[in-house]
Amino acid sequence: SPEGGFDAMLQAAVCTSHWLRNVSRLLVFASDDVFHTAGDGRLGG
């Protein structure tokens, strides 16, 4: 049920080649479920 949205948000933020302008930066996160967070990765080793 939880999705990998946190991974996606972090990569979208730090891969800054597309965040070049000194402007208002909005990130719209659209989902219909909850999110995995730190520690959940252990389930997959």
PDB file of all heavy atoms in Angstrom:
ATOM      1  N   SER A   1       0.804  -1.215   0.000  1.00  0.00           N
ATOM      2  CA  SER A   1       0.000   0.000   0.000  1.00  0.00           C
ATOM      3  C   SER A   1       0.843   1.274   0.000  1.00  0.00           C
ATOM      4  O   SER A   1       0.626   2.145  -0.836  1.00  0.00           O
ATOM      5  CB  SER A   1      -0.945  -0.009   1.206  1.00  0.00           C
ATOM      6  OG  SER A   1      -1.720   1.158   1.231  1.00  0.00           O
ATOM      7  N   PRO A   2       1.834   1.466   0.912  1.00  0.00           N
ATOM      8  CA  PRO A   2       2.628   2.699   0.857  1.00  0.00           C
ATOM      9  C   PRO A   2       3.420   2.779  -0.440  1.00  0.00           C
ATOM     10  O   PRO A   2       3.792   1.760  -1.024  1.00  0.00           O
ATOM     11  CB  PRO A   2       3.558   2.574   2.069  1.00  0.00           C
ATOM     12  CG  PRO A   2       2.915   1.563   2.952  1.00  0.00           C
ATOM     13  CD  PRO A   2       2.223   0.608   2.027  1.00  0.00           C
ATOM     14  N   GLU A   3       3.689   4.009  -0.883  1.00  0.00           N
ATOM     15  CA  GLU A   3       4.426   4.218  -2.127  1.00  0.00           C
ATOM     16  C   GLU A   3       5.785   4.861  -1.842  1.00  0.00           C
ATOM     17  O   GLU A   3       6.070   5.279  -0.724  1.00  0.00           O
ATOM     18  CB  GLU A   3       3.622   5.124  -3.081  1.00  0.00           C
ATOM     19  CG  GLU A   3       2.138   4.848  -3.122  1.00  0.00           C
ATOM     20  CD  GLU A   3       1.756   3.500  -3.719  1.00  0.00           C
ATOM     21  OE1 GLU A   3       2.658   2.696  -3.981  1.00  0.00           O
ATOM     22  OE2 GLU A   3       0.569   3.243  -3.923  1.00  0.00           O
ATOM     23  N   GLY A   4       6.597   4.965  -2.867  1.00  0.00           N
ATOM     24  CA  GLY A   4       7.953   5.519  -2.728  1.00  0.00           C
ATOM     25  C   GLY A   4       8.022   7.013  -2.983  1.00  0.00           C
ATOM     26  O   GLY A   4       9.003   7.497  -3.550  1.00  0.00           O
ATOM     27  N   GLY A   5       7.037   7.747  -2.534  1.00  0.00           N
ATOM     28  CA  GLY A   5       6.980   9.173  -2.806  1.00  0.00           C
ATOM     29  C   GLY A   5       8.104   9.986  -2.188  1.00  0.00           C
ATOM     30  O   GLY A   5       8.541  10.987  -2.753  1.00  0.00           O
ATOM     31  N   PHE A   6       8.608   9.571  -1.012  1.00  0.00           N
ATOM     32  CA  PHE A   6       9.702  10.315  -0.376  1.00  0.00           C
ATOM     33  C   PHE A   6      10.977  10.244  -1.210  1.00  0.00           C
ATOM     34  O   PHE A   6      11.709  11.226  -1.328  1.00  0.00           O
ATOM     35  CB  PHE A   6       9.962   9.766   1.031  1.00  0.00           C
ATOM     36  CG  PHE A   6       9.058  10.334   2.090  1.00  0.00           C
ATOM     37  CD1 PHE A   6       7.874  10.977   1.755  1.00  0.00           C
ATOM     38  CD2 PHE A   6       9.388  10.232   3.434  1.00  0.00           C
ATOM     39  CE1 PHE A   6       7.035  11.501   2.732  1.00  0.00           C
ATOM     40  CE2 PHE A   6       8.575  10.755   4.422  1.00  0.00           C
ATOM     41  CZ  PHE A   6       7.392  11.388   4.071  1.00  0.00           C
ATOM     42  N   ASP A   7      11.262   9.061  -1.768  1.00  0.00           N
ATOM     43  CA  ASP A   7      12.397   8.943  -2.677  1.00  0.00           C
ATOM     44  C   ASP A   7      12.249   9.932  -3.831  1.00  0.00           C
ATOM     45  O   ASP A   7      13.202  10.619  -4.211  1.00  0.00           O
ATOM     46  CB  ASP A   7      12.482   7.518  -3.247  1.00  0.00           C
ATOM     47  CG  ASP A   7      13.272   6.562  -2.361  1.00  0.00           C
ATOM     48  OD1 ASP A   7      13.968   7.039  -1.444  1.00  0.00           O
ATOM     49  OD2 ASP A   7      13.180   5.342  -2.595  1.00  0.00           O
ATOM     50  N   ALA A   8      11.058   9.984  -4.398  1.00  0.00           N
ATOM     51  CA  ALA A   8      10.811  10.834  -5.558  1.00  0.00           C
ATOM     52  C   ALA A   8      10.946  12.315  -5.218  1.00  0.00           C
ATOM     53  O   ALA A   8      11.559  13.092  -5.963  1.00  0.00           O
ATOM     54  CB  ALA A   8       9.410  10.548  -6.118  1.00  0.00           C
ATOM     55  N   MET A   9      10.384  12.739  -4.077  1.00  0.00           N
ATOM     56  CA  MET A   9      10.469  14.146  -3.684  1.00  0.00           C
ATOM     57  C   MET A   9      11.915  14.573  -3.466  1.00  0.00           C
ATOM     58  O   MET A   9      12.325  15.669  -3.882  1.00  0.00           O
ATOM     59  CB  MET A   9       9.660  14.387  -2.407  1.00  0.00           C
ATOM     60  CG  MET A   9       8.165  14.271  -2.583  1.00  0.00           C
ATOM     61  SD  MET A   9       7.261  14.651  -1.064  1.00  0.00           S
ATOM     62  CE  MET A   9       7.445  16.435  -1.009  1.00  0.00           C
ATOM     63  N   LEU A  10      12.697  13.715  -2.807  1.00  0.00           N
ATOM     64  CA  LEU A  10      14.088  14.072  -2.551  1.00  0.00           C
ATOM     65  C   LEU A  10      14.874  14.191  -3.847  1.00  0.00           C
ATOM     66  O   LEU A  10      15.613  15.165  -4.049  1.00  0.00           O
ATOM     67  CB  LEU A  10      14.736  13.040  -1.624  1.00  0.00           C
ATOM     68  CG  LEU A  10      16.128  13.412  -1.102  1.00  0.00           C
ATOM     69  CD1 LEU A  10      16.320  12.916   0.328  1.00  0.00           C
ATOM     70  CD2 LEU A  10      17.245  12.854  -1.980  1.00  0.00           C
ATOM     71  N   GLN A  11      14.708  13.222  -4.752  1.00  0.00           N
ATOM     72  CA  GLN A  11      15.437  13.287  -6.021  1.00  0.00           C
ATOM     73  C   GLN A  11      14.994  14.481  -6.864  1.00  0.00           C
ATOM     74  O   GLN A  11      15.816  15.158  -7.496  1.00  0.00           O
ATOM     75  CB  GLN A  11      15.246  11.985  -6.804  1.00  0.00           C
ATOM     76  CG  GLN A  11      15.945  10.781  -6.195  1.00  0.00           C
ATOM     77  CD  GLN A  11      17.452  10.949  -6.129  1.00  0.00           C
ATOM     78  OE1 GLN A  11      18.098  11.236  -7.134  1.00  0.00           O
ATOM     79  NE2 GLN A  11      18.017  10.778  -4.937  1.00  0.00           N
ATOM     80  N   ALA A  12      13.704  14.775  -6.852  1.00  0.00           N
ATOM     81  CA  ALA A  12      13.201  15.928  -7.606  1.00  0.00           C
ATOM     82  C   ALA A  12      13.780  17.230  -7.067  1.00  0.00           C
ATOM     83  O   ALA A  12      13.984  18.190  -7.815  1.00  0.00           O
ATOM     84  CB  ALA A  12      11.675  15.969  -7.546  1.00  0.00           C
ATOM     85  N   ALA A  13      14.060  17.271  -5.749  1.00  0.00           N
ATOM     86  CA  ALA A  13      14.583  18.486  -5.133  1.00  0.00           C
ATOM     87  C   ALA A  13      16.082  18.653  -5.350  1.00  0.00           C
ATOM     88  O   ALA A  13      16.553  19.753  -5.636  1.00  0.00           O
ATOM     89  CB  ALA A  13      14.275  18.490  -3.633  1.00  0.00           C
ATOM     90  N   VAL A  14      16.851  17.567  -5.198  1.00  0.00           N
ATOM     91  CA  VAL A  14      18.316  17.704  -5.238  1.00  0.00           C
ATOM     92  C   VAL A  14      18.894  17.638  -6.641  1.00  0.00           C
ATOM     93  O   VAL A  14      20.022  18.087  -6.860  1.00  0.00           O
ATOM     94  CB  VAL A  14      19.005  16.637  -4.351  1.00  0.00           C
ATOM     95  CG1 VAL A  14      18.587  16.801  -2.907  1.00  0.00           C
ATOM     96  CG2 VAL A  14      18.719  15.226  -4.843  1.00  0.00           C
ATOM     97  N   CYS A  15      18.159  17.092  -7.591  1.00  0.00           N
ATOM     98  CA  CYS A  15      18.635  17.100  -8.983  1.00  0.00           C
ATOM     99  C   CYS A  15      18.257  18.457  -9.576  1.00  0.00           C
ATOM    100  O   CYS A  15      17.221  18.611 -10.218  1.00  0.00           O
ATOM    101  CB  CYS A  15      18.020  15.946  -9.758  1.00  0.00           C
ATOM    102  SG  CYS A  15      18.439  14.321  -9.070  1.00  0.00           S
ATOM    103  N   THR A  16      19.109  19.453  -9.300  1.00  0.00           N
ATOM    104  CA  THR A  16      18.721  20.863  -9.424  1.00  0.00           C
ATOM    105  C   THR A  16      18.882  21.457 -10.814  1.00  0.00           C
ATOM    106  O   THR A  16      18.730  22.661 -10.975  1.00  0.00           O
ATOM    107  CB  THR A  16      19.542  21.712  -8.440  1.00  0.00           C
ATOM    108  OG1 THR A  16      20.944  21.485  -8.691  1.00  0.00           O
ATOM    109  CG2 THR A  16      19.219  21.344  -6.999  1.00  0.00           C
ATOM    110  N   SER A  17      19.212  20.657 -11.798  1.00  0.00           N
ATOM    111  CA  SER A  17      19.437  21.242 -13.121  1.00  0.00           C
ATOM    112  C   SER A  17      18.192  21.930 -13.668  1.00  0.00           C
ATOM    113  O   SER A  17      18.277  22.838 -14.493  1.00  0.00           O
ATOM    114  CB  SER A  17      19.888  20.147 -14.107  1.00  0.00           C
ATOM    115  OG  SER A  17      18.894  19.140 -14.218  1.00  0.00           O
ATOM    116  N   HIS A  18      16.994  21.517 -13.193  1.00  0.00           N
ATOM    117  CA  HIS A  18      15.775  22.147 -13.687  1.00  0.00           C
ATOM    118  C   HIS A  18      15.260  23.241 -12.749  1.00  0.00           C
ATOM    119  O   HIS A  18      14.356  23.976 -13.098  1.00  0.00           O
ATOM    120  CB  HIS A  18      14.671  21.103 -13.913  1.00  0.00           C
ATOM    121  CG  HIS A  18      14.449  20.174 -12.774  1.00  0.00           C
ATOM    122  ND1 HIS A  18      15.286  19.120 -12.501  1.00  0.00           N
ATOM    123  CD2 HIS A  18      13.489  20.138 -11.810  1.00  0.00           C
ATOM    124  CE1 HIS A  18      14.857  18.465 -11.441  1.00  0.00           C
ATOM    125  NE2 HIS A  18      13.773  19.058 -10.994  1.00  0.00           N
ATOM    126  N   TRP A  19      15.868  23.378 -11.550  1.00  0.00           N
ATOM    127  CA  TRP A  19      15.491  24.456 -10.629  1.00  0.00           C
ATOM    128  C   TRP A  19      16.512  25.582 -10.766  1.00  0.00           C
ATOM    129  O   TRP A  19      17.309  25.830  -9.877  1.00  0.00           O
ATOM    130  CB  TRP A  19      15.473  23.975  -9.178  1.00  0.00           C
ATOM    131  CG  TRP A  19      14.525  22.865  -8.856  1.00  0.00           C
ATOM    132  CD1 TRP A  19      14.843  21.572  -8.596  1.00  0.00           C
ATOM    133  CD2 TRP A  19      13.095  22.947  -8.714  1.00  0.00           C
ATOM    134  NE1 TRP A  19      13.724  20.846  -8.315  1.00  0.00           N
ATOM    135  CE2 TRP A  19      12.626  21.657  -8.374  1.00  0.00           C
ATOM    136  CE3 TRP A  19      12.161  23.979  -8.844  1.00  0.00           C
ATOM    137  CZ2 TRP A  19      11.282  21.373  -8.169  1.00  0.00           C
ATOM    138  CZ3 TRP A  19      10.831  23.697  -8.636  1.00  0.00           C
ATOM    139  CH2 TRP A  19      10.396  22.412  -8.309  1.00  0.00           C
ATOM    140  N   LEU A  20      16.505  26.277 -11.864  1.00  0.00           N
ATOM    141  CA  LEU A  20      17.557  27.248 -12.136  1.00  0.00           C
ATOM    142  C   LEU A  20      17.163  28.682 -11.803  1.00  0.00           C
ATOM    143  O   LEU A  20      18.011  29.506 -11.503  1.00  0.00           O
ATOM    144  CB  LEU A  20      17.978  27.166 -13.615  1.00  0.00           C
ATOM    145  CG  LEU A  20      18.631  25.842 -14.047  1.00  0.00           C
ATOM    146  CD1 LEU A  20      18.942  25.875 -15.532  1.00  0.00           C
ATOM    147  CD2 LEU A  20      19.910  25.615 -13.265  1.00  0.00           C
ATOM    148  N   ARG A  21      15.877  29.005 -11.864  1.00  0.00           N
ATOM    149  CA  ARG A  21      15.477  30.400 -11.700  1.00  0.00           C
ATOM    150  C   ARG A  21      15.282  30.764 -10.229  1.00  0.00           C
ATOM    151  O   ARG A  21      14.928  29.925  -9.407  1.00  0.00           O
ATOM    152  CB  ARG A  21      14.163  30.665 -12.454  1.00  0.00           C
ATOM    153  CG  ARG A  21      14.230  30.390 -13.935  1.00  0.00           C
ATOM    154  CD  ARG A  21      13.064  31.052 -14.659  1.00  0.00           C
ATOM    155  NE  ARG A  21      11.756  30.602 -14.182  1.00  0.00           N
ATOM    156  CZ  ARG A  21      10.600  31.148 -14.557  1.00  0.00           C
ATOM    157  NH1 ARG A  21      10.593  32.152 -15.414  1.00  0.00           N
ATOM    158  NH2 ARG A  21       9.446  30.690 -14.084  1.00  0.00           N
ATOM    159  N   ASN A  22      15.503  32.046  -9.927  1.00  0.00           N
ATOM    160  CA  ASN A  22      15.232  32.579  -8.595  1.00  0.00           C
ATOM    161  C   ASN A  22      13.761  32.969  -8.544  1.00  0.00           C
ATOM    162  O   ASN A  22      13.381  34.118  -8.735  1.00  0.00           O
ATOM    163  CB  ASN A  22      16.122  33.791  -8.334  1.00  0.00           C
ATOM    164  CG  ASN A  22      15.926  34.339  -6.932  1.00  0.00           C
ATOM    165  OD1 ASN A  22      15.242  33.747  -6.100  1.00  0.00           O
ATOM    166  ND2 ASN A  22      16.512  35.490  -6.663  1.00  0.00           N
ATOM    167  N   VAL A  23      12.900  31.965  -8.274  1.00  0.00           N
ATOM    168  CA  VAL A  23      11.444  32.140  -8.373  1.00  0.00           C
ATOM    169  C   VAL A  23      10.758  31.373  -7.245  1.00  0.00           C
ATOM    170  O   VAL A  23      11.403  30.702  -6.444  1.00  0.00           O
ATOM    171  CB  VAL A  23      10.925  31.617  -9.734  1.00  0.00           C
ATOM    172  CG1 VAL A  23      11.559  32.352 -10.897  1.00  0.00           C
ATOM    173  CG2 VAL A  23      11.167  30.108  -9.871  1.00  0.00           C
ATOM    174  N   SER A  24       9.422  31.458  -7.176  1.00  0.00           N
ATOM    175  CA  SER A  24       8.649  30.603  -6.278  1.00  0.00           C
ATOM    176  C   SER A  24       8.645  29.186  -6.838  1.00  0.00           C
ATOM    177  O   SER A  24       8.252  28.963  -7.985  1.00  0.00           O
ATOM    178  CB  SER A  24       7.205  31.108  -6.169  1.00  0.00           C
ATOM    179  OG  SER A  24       7.142  32.312  -5.457  1.00  0.00           O
ATOM    180  N   ARG A  25       9.097  28.239  -6.029  1.00  0.00           N
ATOM    181  CA  ARG A  25       9.207  26.850  -6.496  1.00  0.00           C
ATOM    182  C   ARG A  25       8.150  25.998  -5.796  1.00  0.00           C
ATOM    183  O   ARG A  25       8.168  25.846  -4.576  1.00  0.00           O
ATOM    184  CB  ARG A  25      10.606  26.312  -6.186  1.00  0.00           C
ATOM    185  CG  ARG A  25      11.710  27.070  -6.903  1.00  0.00           C
ATOM    186  CD  ARG A  25      13.083  26.678  -6.407  1.00  0.00           C
ATOM    187  NE  ARG A  25      14.133  27.330  -7.170  1.00  0.00           N
ATOM    188  CZ  ARG A  25      15.429  27.236  -6.895  1.00  0.00           C
ATOM    189  NH1 ARG A  25      15.820  26.506  -5.867  1.00  0.00           N
ATOM    190  NH2 ARG A  25      16.317  27.873  -7.631  1.00  0.00           N
ATOM    191  N   LEU A  26       7.245  25.451  -6.576  1.00  0.00           N
ATOM    192  CA  LEU A  26       6.171  24.619  -6.042  1.00  0.00           C
ATOM    193  C   LEU A  26       6.369  23.184  -6.509  1.00  0.00           C
ATOM    194  O   LEU A  26       6.669  22.935  -7.678  1.00  0.00           O
ATOM    195  CB  LEU A  26       4.806  25.117  -6.532  1.00  0.00           C
ATOM    196  CG  LEU A  26       4.469  26.590  -6.313  1.00  0.00           C
ATOM    197  CD1 LEU A  26       3.080  26.890  -6.862  1.00  0.00           C
ATOM    198  CD2 LEU A  26       4.547  26.949  -4.845  1.00  0.00           C
ATOM    199  N   LEU A  27       6.192  22.238  -5.591  1.00  0.00           N
ATOM    200  CA  LEU A  27       6.217  20.826  -5.944  1.00  0.00           C
ATOM    201  C   LEU A  27       4.868  20.233  -5.558  1.00  0.00           C
ATOM    202  O   LEU A  27       4.547  20.126  -4.375  1.00  0.00           O
ATOM    203  CB  LEU A  27       7.355  20.100  -5.226  1.00  0.00           C
ATOM    204  CG  LEU A  27       7.653  18.674  -5.698  1.00  0.00           C
ATOM    205  CD1 LEU A  27       9.122  18.327  -5.453  1.00  0.00           C
ATOM    206  CD2 LEU A  27       6.778  17.641  -5.005  1.00  0.00           C
ATOM    207  N   VAL A  28       4.068  19.898  -6.564  1.00  0.00           N
ATOM    208  CA  VAL A  28       2.752  19.307  -6.324  1.00  0.00           C
ATOM    209  C   VAL A  28       2.914  17.790  -6.261  1.00  0.00           C
ATOM    210  O   VAL A  28       3.327  17.155  -7.229  1.00  0.00           O
ATOM    211  CB  VAL A  28       1.751  19.684  -7.434  1.00  0.00           C
ATOM    212  CG1 VAL A  28       0.399  19.022  -7.171  1.00  0.00           C
ATOM    213  CG2 VAL A  28       1.591  21.203  -7.507  1.00  0.00           C
ATOM    214  N   PHE A  29       2.607  17.227  -5.096  1.00  0.00           N
ATOM    215  CA  PHE A  29       2.742  15.794  -4.859  1.00  0.00           C
ATOM    216  C   PHE A  29       1.346  15.187  -4.874  1.00  0.00           C
ATOM    217  O   PHE A  29       0.555  15.403  -3.953  1.00  0.00           O
ATOM    218  CB  PHE A  29       3.425  15.573  -3.509  1.00  0.00           C
ATOM    219  CG  PHE A  29       3.599  14.135  -3.105  1.00  0.00           C
ATOM    220  CD1 PHE A  29       4.767  13.457  -3.396  1.00  0.00           C
ATOM    221  CD2 PHE A  29       2.599  13.460  -2.422  1.00  0.00           C
ATOM    222  CE1 PHE A  29       4.946  12.134  -3.004  1.00  0.00           C
ATOM    223  CE2 PHE A  29       2.755  12.141  -2.029  1.00  0.00           C
ATOM    224  CZ  PHE A  29       3.933  11.472  -2.327  1.00  0.00           C
ATOM    225  N   ALA A  30       1.018  14.443  -5.937  1.00  0.00           N
ATOM    226  CA  ALA A  30      -0.328  13.891  -6.096  1.00  0.00           C
ATOM    227  C   ALA A  30      -0.310  12.383  -5.856  1.00  0.00           C
ATOM    228  O   ALA A  30       0.403  11.646  -6.533  1.00  0.00           O
ATOM    229  CB  ALA A  30      -0.856  14.188  -7.494  1.00  0.00           C
ATOM    230  N   SER A  31      -1.101  11.935  -4.871  1.00  0.00           N
ATOM    231  CA  SER A  31      -1.126  10.513  -4.541  1.00  0.00           C
ATOM    232  C   SER A  31      -2.451  10.164  -3.876  1.00  0.00           C
ATOM    233  O   SER A  31      -3.149  11.024  -3.335  1.00  0.00           O
ATOM    234  CB  SER A  31       0.043  10.165  -3.608  1.00  0.00           C
ATOM    235  OG  SER A  31       0.045   8.792  -3.269  1.00  0.00           O
ATOM    236  N   ASP A  32      -2.782   8.865  -3.909  1.00  0.00           N
ATOM    237  CA  ASP A  32      -3.985   8.392  -3.224  1.00  0.00           C
ATOM    238  C   ASP A  32      -3.629   7.361  -2.159  1.00  0.00           C
ATOM    239  O   ASP A  32      -4.445   6.513  -1.800  1.00  0.00           O
ATOM    240  CB  ASP A  32      -4.975   7.794  -4.235  1.00  0.00           C
ATOM    241  CG  ASP A  32      -4.447   6.528  -4.897  1.00  0.00           C
ATOM    242  OD1 ASP A  32      -3.222   6.255  -4.773  1.00  0.00           O
ATOM    243  OD2 ASP A  32      -5.234   5.811  -5.533  1.00  0.00           O
ATOM    244  N   ASP A  33      -2.380   7.463  -1.654  1.00  0.00           N
ATOM    245  CA  ASP A  33      -1.954   6.492  -0.647  1.00  0.00           C
ATOM    246  C   ASP A  33      -0.904   7.113   0.271  1.00  0.00           C
ATOM    247  O   ASP A  33      -0.486   8.254   0.078  1.00  0.00           O
ATOM    248  CB  ASP A  33      -1.399   5.229  -1.309  1.00  0.00           C
ATOM    249  CG  ASP A  33      -1.809   3.965  -0.565  1.00  0.00           C
ATOM    250  OD1 ASP A  33      -1.832   4.001   0.690  1.00  0.00           O
ATOM    251  OD2 ASP A  33      -2.090   2.948  -1.225  1.00  0.00           O
ATOM    252  N   VAL A  34      -0.466   6.336   1.262  1.00  0.00           N
ATOM    253  CA  VAL A  34       0.534   6.805   2.218  1.00  0.00           C
ATOM    254  C   VAL A  34       1.928   6.591   1.645  1.00  0.00           C
ATOM    255  O   VAL A  34       2.077   6.220   0.485  1.00  0.00           O
ATOM    256  CB  VAL A  34       0.376   6.092   3.575  1.00  0.00           C
ATOM    257  CG1 VAL A  34      -0.898   6.534   4.246  1.00  0.00           C
ATOM    258  CG2 VAL A  34       0.393   4.569   3.390  1.00  0.00           C
ATOM    259  N   PHE A  35       2.947   6.797   2.455  1.00  0.00           N
ATOM    260  CA  PHE A  35       4.328   6.838   1.972  1.00  0.00           C
ATOM    261  C   PHE A  35       5.221   5.966   2.841  1.00  0.00           C
ATOM    262  O   PHE A  35       5.011   5.808   4.040  1.00  0.00           O
ATOM    263  CB  PHE A  35       4.843   8.275   2.032  1.00  0.00           C
ATOM    264  CG  PHE A  35       4.446   8.997   3.293  1.00  0.00           C
ATOM    265  CD1 PHE A  35       5.177   8.851   4.464  1.00  0.00           C
ATOM    266  CD2 PHE A  35       3.304   9.787   3.322  1.00  0.00           C
ATOM    267  CE1 PHE A  35       4.791   9.483   5.633  1.00  0.00           C
ATOM    268  CE2 PHE A  35       2.912  10.432   4.487  1.00  0.00           C
ATOM    269  CZ  PHE A  35       3.661  10.282   5.644  1.00  0.00           C
ATOM    270  N   HIS A  36       6.235   5.399   2.208  1.00  0.00           N
ATOM    271  CA  HIS A  36       7.303   4.739   2.954  1.00  0.00           C
ATOM    272  C   HIS A  36       8.245   5.801   3.507  1.00  0.00           C
ATOM    273  O   HIS A  36       8.435   6.856   2.899  1.00  0.00           O
ATOM    274  CB  HIS A  36       8.106   3.809   2.038  1.00  0.00           C
ATOM    275  CG  HIS A  36       7.440   2.494   1.773  1.00  0.00           C
ATOM    276  ND1 HIS A  36       7.192   1.570   2.760  1.00  0.00           N
ATOM    277  CD2 HIS A  36       6.991   1.939   0.605  1.00  0.00           C
ATOM    278  CE1 HIS A  36       6.619   0.491   2.232  1.00  0.00           C
ATOM    279  NE2 HIS A  36       6.478   0.694   0.930  1.00  0.00           N
ATOM    280  N   THR A  37       8.852   5.509   4.669  1.00  0.00           N
ATOM    281  CA  THR A  37       9.813   6.436   5.253  1.00  0.00           C
ATOM    282  C   THR A  37      11.027   5.662   5.758  1.00  0.00           C
ATOM    283  O   THR A  37      11.102   4.436   5.614  1.00  0.00           O
ATOM    284  CB  THR A  37       9.165   7.259   6.385  1.00  0.00           C
ATOM    285  OG1 THR A  37      10.083   8.269   6.823  1.00  0.00           O
ATOM    286  CG2 THR A  37       8.779   6.372   7.560  1.00  0.00           C
ATOM    287  N   ALA A  38      11.999   6.383   6.324  1.00  0.00           N
ATOM    288  CA  ALA A  38      13.256   5.771   6.759  1.00  0.00           C
ATOM    289  C   ALA A  38      13.008   4.567   7.659  1.00  0.00           C
ATOM    290  O   ALA A  38      12.190   4.608   8.569  1.00  0.00           O
ATOM    291  CB  ALA A  38      14.106   6.811   7.489  1.00  0.00           C
ATOM    292  N   GLY A  39      13.712   3.486   7.383  1.00  0.00           N
ATOM    293  CA  GLY A  39      13.557   2.240   8.133  1.00  0.00           C
ATOM    294  C   GLY A  39      12.762   1.201   7.381  1.00  0.00           C
ATOM    295  O   GLY A  39      12.986  -0.005   7.552  1.00  0.00           O
ATOM    296  N   ASP A  40      11.834   1.658   6.521  1.00  0.00           N
ATOM    297  CA  ASP A  40      11.027   0.704   5.749  1.00  0.00           C
ATOM    298  C   ASP A  40      11.875  -0.074   4.750  1.00  0.00           C
ATOM    299  O   ASP A  40      11.510  -1.178   4.333  1.00  0.00           O
ATOM    300  CB  ASP A  40       9.905   1.430   5.003  1.00  0.00           C
ATOM    301  CG  ASP A  40       8.824   1.940   5.939  1.00  0.00           C
ATOM    302  OD1 ASP A  40       8.902   1.648   7.141  1.00  0.00           O
ATOM    303  OD2 ASP A  40       7.911   2.643   5.461  1.00  0.00           O
ATOM    304  N   GLY A  41      13.005   0.495   4.343  1.00  0.00           N
ATOM    305  CA  GLY A  41      13.858  -0.182   3.363  1.00  0.00           C
ATOM    306  C   GLY A  41      14.397  -1.510   3.857  1.00  0.00           C
ATOM    307  O   GLY A  41      14.760  -2.380   3.062  1.00  0.00           O
ATOM    308  N   ARG A  42      14.433  -1.687   5.169  1.00  0.00           N
ATOM    309  CA  ARG A  42      14.961  -2.931   5.719  1.00  0.00           C
ATOM    310  C   ARG A  42      14.122  -4.140   5.321  1.00  0.00           C
ATOM    311  O   ARG A  42      14.620  -5.268   5.285  1.00  0.00           O
ATOM    312  CB  ARG A  42      15.041  -2.832   7.241  1.00  0.00           C
ATOM    313  CG  ARG A  42      16.012  -1.757   7.716  1.00  0.00           C
ATOM    314  CD  ARG A  42      16.220  -1.770   9.204  1.00  0.00           C
ATOM    315  NE  ARG A  42      17.197  -0.781   9.617  1.00  0.00           N
ATOM    316  CZ  ARG A  42      17.734  -0.694  10.820  1.00  0.00           C
ATOM    317  NH1 ARG A  42      17.347  -1.561  11.754  1.00  0.00           N
ATOM    318  NH2 ARG A  42      18.617   0.225  11.099  1.00  0.00           N
ATOM    319  N   LEU A  43      12.843  -3.899   5.042  1.00  0.00           N
ATOM    320  CA  LEU A  43      11.993  -4.997   4.579  1.00  0.00           C
ATOM    321  C   LEU A  43      12.520  -5.590   3.279  1.00  0.00           C
ATOM    322  O   LEU A  43      12.331  -6.772   2.996  1.00  0.00           O
ATOM    323  CB  LEU A  43      10.559  -4.500   4.376  1.00  0.00           C
ATOM    324  CG  LEU A  43       9.818  -4.033   5.634  1.00  0.00           C
ATOM    325  CD1 LEU A  43       8.495  -3.376   5.244  1.00  0.00           C
ATOM    326  CD2 LEU A  43       9.566  -5.217   6.557  1.00  0.00           C
ATOM    327  N   GLY A  44      13.203  -4.765   2.491  1.00  0.00           N
ATOM    328  CA  GLY A  44      13.772  -5.237   1.230  1.00  0.00           C
ATOM    329  C   GLY A  44      15.272  -5.436   1.303  1.00  0.00           C
ATOM    330  O   GLY A  44      15.940  -5.517   0.261  1.00  0.00           O
ATOM    331  N   GLY A  45      15.811  -5.499   2.539  1.00  0.00           N
ATOM    332  CA  GLY A  45      17.247  -5.719   2.708  1.00  0.00           C
ATOM    333  C   GLY A  45      18.078  -4.483   2.417  1.00  0.00           C
ATOM    334  O   GLY A  45      19.273  -4.589   2.115  1.00  0.00           O
TER     335      GLY A  45
END
